[in-house]
PDB file of N, CA and C in Angstrom:
ATOM      1  N   MET A   1       0.783  -1.304   0.024  1.00  0.00           N
ATOM      2  CA  MET A   1       0.150  -0.002   0.027  1.00  0.00           C
ATOM      3  C   MET A   1       0.924   1.277  -0.047  1.00  0.00           C
ATOM      4  N   TRP A   2       1.704   1.416   0.749  1.00  0.00           N
ATOM      5  CA  TRP A   2       2.660   2.462   1.150  1.00  0.00           C
ATOM      6  C   TRP A   2       3.446   2.653  -0.042  1.00  0.00           C
ATOM      7  N   HIS A   3       3.926   1.602  -0.740  1.00  0.00           N
ATOM      8  CA  HIS A   3       4.862   1.601  -1.957  1.00  0.00           C
ATOM      9  C   HIS A   3       4.166   2.305  -3.124  1.00  0.00           C
ATOM     10  N   GLU A   4       2.843   2.295  -3.246  1.00  0.00           N
ATOM     11  CA  GLU A   4       2.171   2.928  -4.282  1.00  0.00           C
ATOM     12  C   GLU A   4       1.760   4.409  -4.017  1.00  0.00           C
ATOM     13  N   LEU A   5       1.907   4.870  -2.905  1.00  0.00           N
ATOM     14  CA  LEU A   5       1.553   6.074  -2.461  1.00  0.00           C
ATOM     15  C   LEU A   5       2.604   7.168  -2.906  1.00  0.00           C
ATOM     16  N   LEU A   6       3.802   6.861  -3.090  1.00  0.00           N
ATOM     17  CA  LEU A   6       4.819   7.844  -3.457  1.00  0.00           C
ATOM     18  C   LEU A   6       4.870   7.975  -4.897  1.00  0.00           C
ATOM     19  N   PRO A   7       4.610   7.010  -5.939  1.00  0.00           N
ATOM     20  CA  PRO A   7       4.457   7.431  -7.388  1.00  0.00           C
ATOM     21  C   PRO A   7       3.074   8.142  -7.597  1.00  0.00           C
ATOM     22  N   LEU A   8       2.114   7.855  -6.624  1.00  0.00           N
ATOM     23  CA  LEU A   8       0.846   8.519  -7.116  1.00  0.00           C
ATOM     24  C   LEU A   8       1.043  10.088  -6.725  1.00  0.00           C
ATOM     25  N   SER A   9       1.639  10.337  -5.562  1.00  0.00           N
ATOM     26  CA  SER A   9       1.969  11.808  -5.019  1.00  0.00           C
ATOM     27  C   SER A   9       2.816  12.342  -6.130  1.00  0.00           C
ATOM     28  N   LEU A  10       3.838  11.640  -6.474  1.00  0.00           N
ATOM     29  CA  LEU A  10       4.814  12.330  -7.495  1.00  0.00           C
ATOM     30  C   LEU A  10       4.129  12.764  -8.786  1.00  0.00           C
ATOM     31  N   ALA A  11       3.077  11.777  -9.438  1.00  0.00           N
ATOM     32  CA  ALA A  11       2.371  12.139 -10.453  1.00  0.00           C
ATOM     33  C   ALA A  11       1.427  13.289 -10.424  1.00  0.00           C
ATOM     34  N   ILE A  12       0.731  13.324  -9.133  1.00  0.00           N
ATOM     35  CA  ILE A  12      -0.115  14.686  -9.002  1.00  0.00           C
ATOM     36  C   ILE A  12       0.867  15.805  -9.096  1.00  0.00           C
ATOM     37  N   TYR A  13       1.789  15.714  -8.238  1.00  0.00           N
ATOM     38  CA  TYR A  13       2.886  16.867  -8.144  1.00  0.00           C
ATOM     39  C   TYR A  13       3.416  17.270  -9.692  1.00  0.00           C
ATOM     40  N   LEU A  14       3.835  16.252 -10.196  1.00  0.00           N
ATOM     41  CA  LEU A  14       4.387  16.793 -11.484  1.00  0.00           C
ATOM     42  C   LEU A  14       3.379  17.046 -12.610  1.00  0.00           C
ATOM     43  N   GLY A  15       2.168  16.546 -12.509  1.00  0.00           N
ATOM     44  CA  GLY A  15       1.051  16.947 -13.286  1.00  0.00           C
ATOM     45  C   GLY A  15       0.711  18.420 -13.138  1.00  0.00           C
ATOM     46  N   THR A  16       0.804  18.849 -11.612  1.00  0.00           N
ATOM     47  CA  THR A  16       0.386  20.297 -11.356  1.00  0.00           C
ATOM     48  C   THR A  16       1.662  21.233 -11.968  1.00  0.00           C
ATOM     49  N   VAL A  17       2.728  20.829 -11.866  1.00  0.00           N
ATOM     50  CA  VAL A  17       3.881  21.547 -12.150  1.00  0.00           C
ATOM     51  C   VAL A  17       3.930  21.734 -13.724  1.00  0.00           C
ATOM     52  N   LEU A  18       3.532  20.544 -14.469  1.00  0.00           N
ATOM     53  CA  LEU A  18       3.525  20.596 -15.885  1.00  0.00           C
ATOM     54  C   LEU A  18       2.493  21.515 -16.406  1.00  0.00           C
ATOM     55  N   GLN A  19       1.289  21.331 -15.746  1.00  0.00           N
ATOM     56  CA  GLN A  19       0.217  22.258 -16.043  1.00  0.00           C
ATOM     57  C   GLN A  19       0.504  23.727 -16.002  1.00  0.00           C
ATOM     58  N   LYS A  20       1.080  24.147 -15.024  1.00  0.00           N
ATOM     59  CA  LYS A  20       1.505  25.437 -14.732  1.00  0.00           C
ATOM     60  C   LYS A  20       2.580  26.013 -15.777  1.00  0.00           C
ATOM     61  N   PHE A  21       3.520  25.005 -15.990  1.00  0.00           N
ATOM     62  CA  PHE A  21       4.629  25.280 -17.145  1.00  0.00           C
ATOM     63  C   PHE A  21       3.907  25.503 -18.412  1.00  0.00           C
ATOM     64  N   LEU A  22       3.048  24.703 -18.843  1.00  0.00           N
ATOM     65  CA  LEU A  22       2.640  24.612 -20.242  1.00  0.00           C
ATOM     66  C   LEU A  22       1.530  25.904 -20.291  1.00  0.00           C
ATOM     67  N   GLU A  23       0.856  26.424 -19.334  1.00  0.00           N
ATOM     68  CA  GLU A  23       0.104  27.333 -19.364  1.00  0.00           C
ATOM     69  C   GLU A  23       0.818  28.557 -19.689  1.00  0.00           C
ATOM     70  N   SER A  24       1.957  28.962 -18.954  1.00  0.00           N
ATOM     71  CA  SER A  24       2.782  30.054 -19.083  1.00  0.00           C
ATOM     72  C   SER A  24       3.597  30.017 -20.316  1.00  0.00           C
ATOM     73  N   PHE A  25       4.135  28.924 -20.768  1.00  0.00           N
ATOM     74  CA  PHE A  25       4.630  28.550 -22.074  1.00  0.00           C
ATOM     75  C   PHE A  25       3.835  28.978 -23.061  1.00  0.00           C
ATOM     76  N   VAL A  26       2.572  28.545 -23.123  1.00  0.00           N
ATOM     77  CA  VAL A  26       1.781  28.781 -24.254  1.00  0.00           C
ATOM     78  C   VAL A  26       1.324  30.473 -24.188  1.00  0.00           C
ATOM     79  N   LYS A  27       1.020  31.016 -22.989  1.00  0.00           N
ATOM     80  CA  LYS A  27       0.353  32.222 -22.933  1.00  0.00           C
ATOM     81  C   LYS A  27       1.486  33.236 -23.387  1.00  0.00           C
ATOM     82  N   ASP A  28       2.700  32.985 -22.823  1.00  0.00           N
ATOM     83  CA  ASP A  28       3.805  34.161 -23.053  1.00  0.00           C
ATOM     84  C   ASP A  28       4.624  33.736 -24.244  1.00  0.00           C
ATOM     85  N   ILE A  29       4.920  32.614 -25.011  1.00  0.00           N
ATOM     86  CA  ILE A  29       5.575  32.414 -26.157  1.00  0.00           C
ATOM     87  C   ILE A  29       4.843  32.019 -27.337  1.00  0.00           C
ATOM     88  N   ILE A  30       3.954  31.139 -27.146  1.00  0.00           N
ATOM     89  CA  ILE A  30       3.173  30.597 -28.372  1.00  0.00           C
ATOM     90  C   ILE A  30       2.122  31.486 -28.855  1.00  0.00           C
ATOM     91  N   MET A  31       1.454  32.064 -27.979  1.00  0.00           N
ATOM     92  CA  MET A  31       0.073  32.914 -28.406  1.00  0.00           C
ATOM     93  C   MET A  31       0.619  34.138 -29.015  1.00  0.00           C
ATOM     94  N   PRO A  32       1.730  34.901 -28.371  1.00  0.00           N
ATOM     95  CA  PRO A  32       2.104  36.090 -29.216  1.00  0.00           C
ATOM     96  C   PRO A  32       2.666  35.852 -30.544  1.00  0.00           C
ATOM     97  N   ALA A  33       3.345  34.694 -30.586  1.00  0.00           N
ATOM     98  CA  ALA A  33       3.837  34.460 -32.091  1.00  0.00           C
ATOM     99  C   ALA A  33       2.718  34.091 -33.078  1.00  0.00           C
ATOM    100  N   ILE A  34       1.626  33.514 -32.432  1.00  0.00           N
ATOM    101  CA  ILE A  34       0.574  33.179 -33.424  1.00  0.00           C
ATOM    102  C   ILE A  34      -0.176  34.475 -33.721  1.00  0.00           C
ATOM    103  N   LEU A  35      -0.412  35.469 -32.701  1.00  0.00           N
ATOM    104  CA  LEU A  35      -0.871  36.672 -33.034  1.00  0.00           C
ATOM    105  C   LEU A  35      -0.167  37.639 -33.930  1.00  0.00           C
ATOM    106  N   LEU A  36       1.052  37.457 -33.962  1.00  0.00           N
ATOM    107  CA  LEU A  36       2.137  38.099 -34.921  1.00  0.00           C
ATOM    108  C   LEU A  36       1.783  37.655 -36.238  1.00  0.00           C
ATOM    109  N   LEU A  37       1.504  36.322 -36.494  1.00  0.00           N
ATOM    110  CA  LEU A  37       1.312  35.715 -37.676  1.00  0.00           C
ATOM    111  C   LEU A  37       0.052  36.184 -38.407  1.00  0.00           C
ATOM    112  N   MET A  38      -0.897  36.423 -37.431  1.00  0.00           N
ATOM    113  CA  MET A  38      -2.278  36.706 -38.023  1.00  0.00           C
ATOM    114  C   MET A  38      -2.403  38.137 -38.507  1.00  0.00           C
ATOM    115  N   PRO A  39      -2.999  38.206 -39.528  1.00  0.00           N
ATOM    116  CA  PRO A  39      -3.312  39.820 -40.210  1.00  0.00           C
ATOM    117  C   PRO A  39      -4.078  40.506 -39.134  1.00  0.00           C
ATOM    118  N   THR A  40      -3.722  41.816 -39.218  1.00  0.00           N
ATOM    119  CA  THR A  40      -4.322  42.796 -38.414  1.00  0.00           C
ATOM    120  C   THR A  40      -5.866  42.780 -38.440  1.00  0.00           C
ATOM    121  N   LYS A  41      -6.349  42.723 -39.534  1.00  0.00           N
ATOM    122  CA  LYS A  41      -7.861  42.949 -39.819  1.00  0.00           C
ATOM    123  C   LYS A  41      -8.525  41.643 -39.353  1.00  0.00           C
ATOM    124  N   VAL A  42      -7.838  40.419 -39.201  1.00  0.00           N
ATOM    125  CA  VAL A  42      -8.383  39.294 -38.628  1.00  0.00           C
ATOM    126  C   VAL A  42      -8.456  39.399 -37.237  1.00  0.00           C
ATOM    127  N   ARG A  43      -7.154  39.787 -36.591  1.00  0.00           N
ATOM    128  CA  ARG A  43      -7.106  40.115 -35.178  1.00  0.00           C
ATOM    129  C   ARG A  43      -8.096  41.166 -34.631  1.00  0.00           C
ATOM    130  N   ASN A  44      -8.255  42.135 -35.189  1.00  0.00           N
ATOM    131  CA  ASN A  44      -9.166  43.103 -34.746  1.00  0.00           C
ATOM    132  C   ASN A  44     -10.563  43.131 -35.336  1.00  0.00           C
ATOM    133  N   ASN A  45     -11.087  41.852 -35.712  1.00  0.00           N
ATOM    134  CA  ASN A  45     -12.365  41.639 -36.165  1.00  0.00           C
ATOM    135  C   ASN A  45     -13.272  41.851 -35.197  1.00  0.00           C
ATOM    136  N   SER A  46     -14.395  42.727 -35.499  1.00  0.00           N
ATOM    137  CA  SER A  46     -15.434  43.092 -34.650  1.00  0.00           C
ATOM    138  C   SER A  46     -16.156  41.820 -34.230  1.00  0.00           C
ATOM    139  N   TYR A  47     -16.414  41.096 -35.311  1.00  0.00           N
ATOM    140  CA  TYR A  47     -17.081  39.765 -35.090  1.00  0.00           C
ATOM    141  C   TYR A  47     -16.552  39.072 -33.949  1.00  0.00           C
ATOM    142  N   LEU A  48     -15.244  38.730 -33.940  1.00  0.00           N
ATOM    143  CA  LEU A  48     -14.662  37.965 -33.030  1.00  0.00           C
ATOM    144  C   LEU A  48     -14.756  38.642 -31.524  1.00  0.00           C
ATOM    145  N   GLN A  49     -14.660  40.058 -31.613  1.00  0.00           N
ATOM    146  CA  GLN A  49     -14.674  40.806 -30.435  1.00  0.00           C
ATOM    147  C   GLN A  49     -16.057  40.847 -29.798  1.00  0.00           C
ATOM    148  N   SER A  50     -17.081  40.326 -30.464  1.00  0.00           N
ATOM    149  CA  SER A  50     -18.411  40.483 -29.908  1.00  0.00           C
ATOM    150  C   SER A  50     -18.469  39.172 -29.125  1.00  0.00           C
ATOM    151  N   PHE A  51     -17.818  38.239 -29.318  1.00  0.00           N
ATOM    152  CA  PHE A  51     -18.018  36.890 -28.412  1.00  0.00           C
ATOM    153  C   PHE A  51     -17.417  37.335 -26.953  1.00  0.00           C
ATOM    154  N   ASN A  52     -16.533  38.225 -26.783  1.00  0.00           N
ATOM    155  CA  ASN A  52     -15.996  38.705 -25.431  1.00  0.00           C
ATOM    156  C   ASN A  52     -17.169  39.086 -24.571  1.00  0.00           C
ATOM    157  N   GLU A  53     -18.218  39.803 -24.957  1.00  0.00           N
ATOM    158  CA  GLU A  53     -19.293  40.236 -24.327  1.00  0.00           C
ATOM    159  C   GLU A  53     -20.181  39.083 -23.639  1.00  0.00           C
ATOM    160  N   TYR A  54     -19.972  37.984 -24.240  1.00  0.00           N
ATOM    161  CA  TYR A  54     -20.684  36.729 -23.775  1.00  0.00           C
ATOM    162  C   TYR A  54     -19.813  35.757 -22.762  1.00  0.00           C
ATOM    163  N   GLY A  55     -18.679  36.223 -22.705  1.00  0.00           N
ATOM    164  CA  GLY A  55     -17.742  35.449 -21.930  1.00  0.00           C
ATOM    165  C   GLY A  55     -16.930  34.579 -22.673  1.00  0.00           C
ATOM    166  N   PHE A  56     -16.919  34.419 -24.025  1.00  0.00           N
ATOM    167  CA  PHE A  56     -16.078  33.523 -24.612  1.00  0.00           C
ATOM    168  C   PHE A  56     -14.922  34.349 -25.203  1.00  0.00           C
ATOM    169  N   ASN A  57     -13.820  33.734 -24.983  1.00  0.00           N
ATOM    170  CA  ASN A  57     -12.501  34.545 -25.520  1.00  0.00           C
ATOM    171  C   ASN A  57     -11.764  33.619 -26.388  1.00  0.00           C
ATOM    172  N   PHE A  58     -11.693  33.813 -27.650  1.00  0.00           N
ATOM    173  CA  PHE A  58     -11.006  32.822 -28.620  1.00  0.00           C
ATOM    174  C   PHE A  58      -9.417  32.866 -28.343  1.00  0.00           C
ATOM    175  N   THR A  59      -8.804  33.786 -27.882  1.00  0.00           N
ATOM    176  CA  THR A  59      -7.495  33.680 -27.478  1.00  0.00           C
ATOM    177  C   THR A  59      -7.253  32.659 -26.325  1.00  0.00           C
ATOM    178  N   ASP A  60      -8.100  32.702 -25.468  1.00  0.00           N
ATOM    179  CA  ASP A  60      -8.050  31.669 -24.238  1.00  0.00           C
ATOM    180  C   ASP A  60      -8.235  30.288 -24.736  1.00  0.00           C
ATOM    181  N   ALA A  61      -9.453  30.301 -25.638  1.00  0.00           N
ATOM    182  CA  ALA A  61      -9.802  28.887 -26.098  1.00  0.00           C
ATOM    183  C   ALA A  61      -8.692  28.304 -26.955  1.00  0.00           C
ATOM    184  N   ILE A  62      -7.807  29.040 -27.837  1.00  0.00           N
ATOM    185  CA  ILE A  62      -6.749  28.491 -28.636  1.00  0.00           C
ATOM    186  C   ILE A  62      -5.551  28.165 -27.714  1.00  0.00           C
ATOM    187  N   SER A  63      -5.342  29.172 -26.665  1.00  0.00           N
ATOM    188  CA  SER A  63      -4.146  28.706 -25.790  1.00  0.00           C
ATOM    189  C   SER A  63      -4.519  27.554 -25.029  1.00  0.00           C
ATOM    190  N   HIS A  64      -5.737  27.220 -24.616  1.00  0.00           N
ATOM    191  CA  HIS A  64      -6.073  25.893 -23.935  1.00  0.00           C
ATOM    192  C   HIS A  64      -6.055  24.777 -24.814  1.00  0.00           C
ATOM    193  N   ILE A  65      -6.279  25.016 -26.151  1.00  0.00           N
ATOM    194  CA  ILE A  65      -6.146  23.909 -27.096  1.00  0.00           C
ATOM    195  C   ILE A  65      -4.886  23.429 -27.399  1.00  0.00           C
ATOM    196  N   PHE A  66      -3.837  24.475 -27.378  1.00  0.00           N
ATOM    197  CA  PHE A  66      -2.374  24.294 -27.628  1.00  0.00           C
ATOM    198  C   PHE A  66      -1.900  23.604 -26.165  1.00  0.00           C
ATOM    199  N   THR A  67      -2.203  24.084 -25.081  1.00  0.00           N
ATOM    200  CA  THR A  67      -1.918  23.335 -23.947  1.00  0.00           C
ATOM    201  C   THR A  67      -2.032  22.026 -23.881  1.00  0.00           C
ATOM    202  N   LEU A  68      -3.224  21.672 -24.324  1.00  0.00           N
ATOM    203  CA  LEU A  68      -3.760  20.375 -24.259  1.00  0.00           C
ATOM    204  C   LEU A  68      -3.004  19.385 -25.133  1.00  0.00           C
ATOM    205  N   PHE A  69      -2.742  19.833 -26.407  1.00  0.00           N
ATOM    206  CA  PHE A  69      -1.982  19.057 -27.516  1.00  0.00           C
ATOM    207  C   PHE A  69      -0.472  19.011 -26.947  1.00  0.00           C
ATOM    208  N   ILE A  70       0.014  19.860 -26.254  1.00  0.00           N
ATOM    209  CA  ILE A  70       1.380  19.805 -25.825  1.00  0.00           C
ATOM    210  C   ILE A  70       1.523  18.746 -24.644  1.00  0.00           C
ATOM    211  N   ALA A  71       0.509  18.889 -23.748  1.00  0.00           N
ATOM    212  CA  ALA A  71       0.354  17.874 -22.532  1.00  0.00           C
ATOM    213  C   ALA A  71       0.126  16.402 -23.096  1.00  0.00           C
ATOM    214  N   ILE A  72      -0.595  16.410 -24.160  1.00  0.00           N
ATOM    215  CA  ILE A  72      -0.866  14.938 -24.700  1.00  0.00           C
ATOM    216  C   ILE A  72       0.578  14.453 -25.357  1.00  0.00           C
ATOM    217  N   TYR A  73       1.325  15.332 -26.085  1.00  0.00           N
ATOM    218  CA  TYR A  73       2.340  14.753 -26.601  1.00  0.00           C
ATOM    219  C   TYR A  73       3.581  14.632 -25.430  1.00  0.00           C
ATOM    220  N   VAL A  74       3.451  15.343 -24.535  1.00  0.00           N
ATOM    221  CA  VAL A  74       4.603  15.074 -23.350  1.00  0.00           C
ATOM    222  C   VAL A  74       4.149  13.718 -22.621  1.00  0.00           C
ATOM    223  N   CYS A  75       2.841  13.495 -22.519  1.00  0.00           N
ATOM    224  CA  CYS A  75       2.460  12.283 -21.906  1.00  0.00           C
ATOM    225  C   CYS A  75       2.852  11.013 -22.730  1.00  0.00           C
ATOM    226  N   TYR A  76       2.579  11.104 -24.066  1.00  0.00           N
ATOM    227  CA  TYR A  76       2.862  10.160 -24.879  1.00  0.00           C
ATOM    228  C   TYR A  76       4.361   9.786 -25.014  1.00  0.00           C
ATOM    229  N   LEU A  77       5.401  11.011 -24.933  1.00  0.00           N
ATOM    230  CA  LEU A  77       6.849  10.617 -24.874  1.00  0.00           C
ATOM    231  C   LEU A  77       7.050   9.969 -23.432  1.00  0.00           C
ATOM    232  N   PHE A  78       6.437  10.389 -22.425  1.00  0.00           N
ATOM    233  CA  PHE A  78       6.909  10.059 -21.038  1.00  0.00           C
ATOM    234  C   PHE A  78       6.320   8.213 -21.177  1.00  0.00           C
ATOM    235  N   ILE A  79       5.293   7.922 -21.559  1.00  0.00           N
ATOM    236  CA  ILE A  79       4.930   6.672 -21.560  1.00  0.00           C
ATOM    237  C   ILE A  79       5.682   5.754 -22.552  1.00  0.00           C
ATOM    238  N   LYS A  80       6.093   6.402 -23.884  1.00  0.00           N
ATOM    239  CA  LYS A  80       6.848   5.645 -24.691  1.00  0.00           C
ATOM    240  C   LYS A  80       8.246   5.404 -24.042  1.00  0.00           C
ATOM    241  N   LEU A  81       8.825   6.305 -23.183  1.00  0.00           N
ATOM    242  CA  LEU A  81      10.035   6.160 -22.655  1.00  0.00           C
ATOM    243  C   LEU A  81      10.236   5.225 -21.599  1.00  0.00           C
ATOM    244  N   PHE A  82       9.000   4.973 -20.883  1.00  0.00           N
ATOM    245  CA  PHE A  82       8.960   4.242 -19.768  1.00  0.00           C
ATOM    246  C   PHE A  82       8.179   2.794 -19.847  1.00  0.00           C
ATOM    247  N   ALA A  83       7.648   2.670 -21.056  1.00  0.00           N
ATOM    248  CA  ALA A  83       6.694   1.534 -21.218  1.00  0.00           C
ATOM    249  C   ALA A  83       7.507   0.230 -21.342  1.00  0.00           C
ATOM    250  N   ASP A  84       8.835   0.185 -21.959  1.00  0.00           N
ATOM    251  CA  ASP A  84       9.500  -0.788 -21.977  1.00  0.00           C
ATOM    252  C   ASP A  84      10.262  -1.270 -20.746  1.00  0.00           C
ATOM    253  N   LYS A  85      10.448  -0.444 -19.739  1.00  0.00           N
ATOM    254  CA  LYS A  85      11.070  -0.807 -18.555  1.00  0.00           C
ATOM    255  C   LYS A  85       9.968  -1.156 -17.450  1.00  0.00           C
ATOM    256  N   ASN A  86      10.435  -1.856 -16.687  1.00  0.00           N
ATOM    257  CA  ASN A  86       9.533  -2.331 -15.423  1.00  0.00           C
ATOM    258  C   ASN A  86       9.863  -1.538 -14.192  1.00  0.00           C
ATOM    259  N   ILE A  87       9.075  -0.662 -13.828  1.00  0.00           N
ATOM    260  CA  ILE A  87       9.061   0.220 -12.842  1.00  0.00           C
ATOM    261  C   ILE A  87       8.880  -0.392 -11.323  1.00  0.00           C
TER     262      ILE A  87
END
């Protein structure tokens, strides 16, 4: 029982740290790069801005999608790395 508690607590801790890292990485590095690549008239479109009044922000949605894809890829690499080894 106790030997299973340490890996579980490490997984929870590392998951939390990875989540914070990915959120800041996407928000501070990836999203500004994407916004620079978008044309100005698409970025300042009043149609997209109208969704902000209803509480939906496209920038946040896109950043959460990128965070999800990066987290899935990191998990895939982690599982692929340790799948052949008996831990």
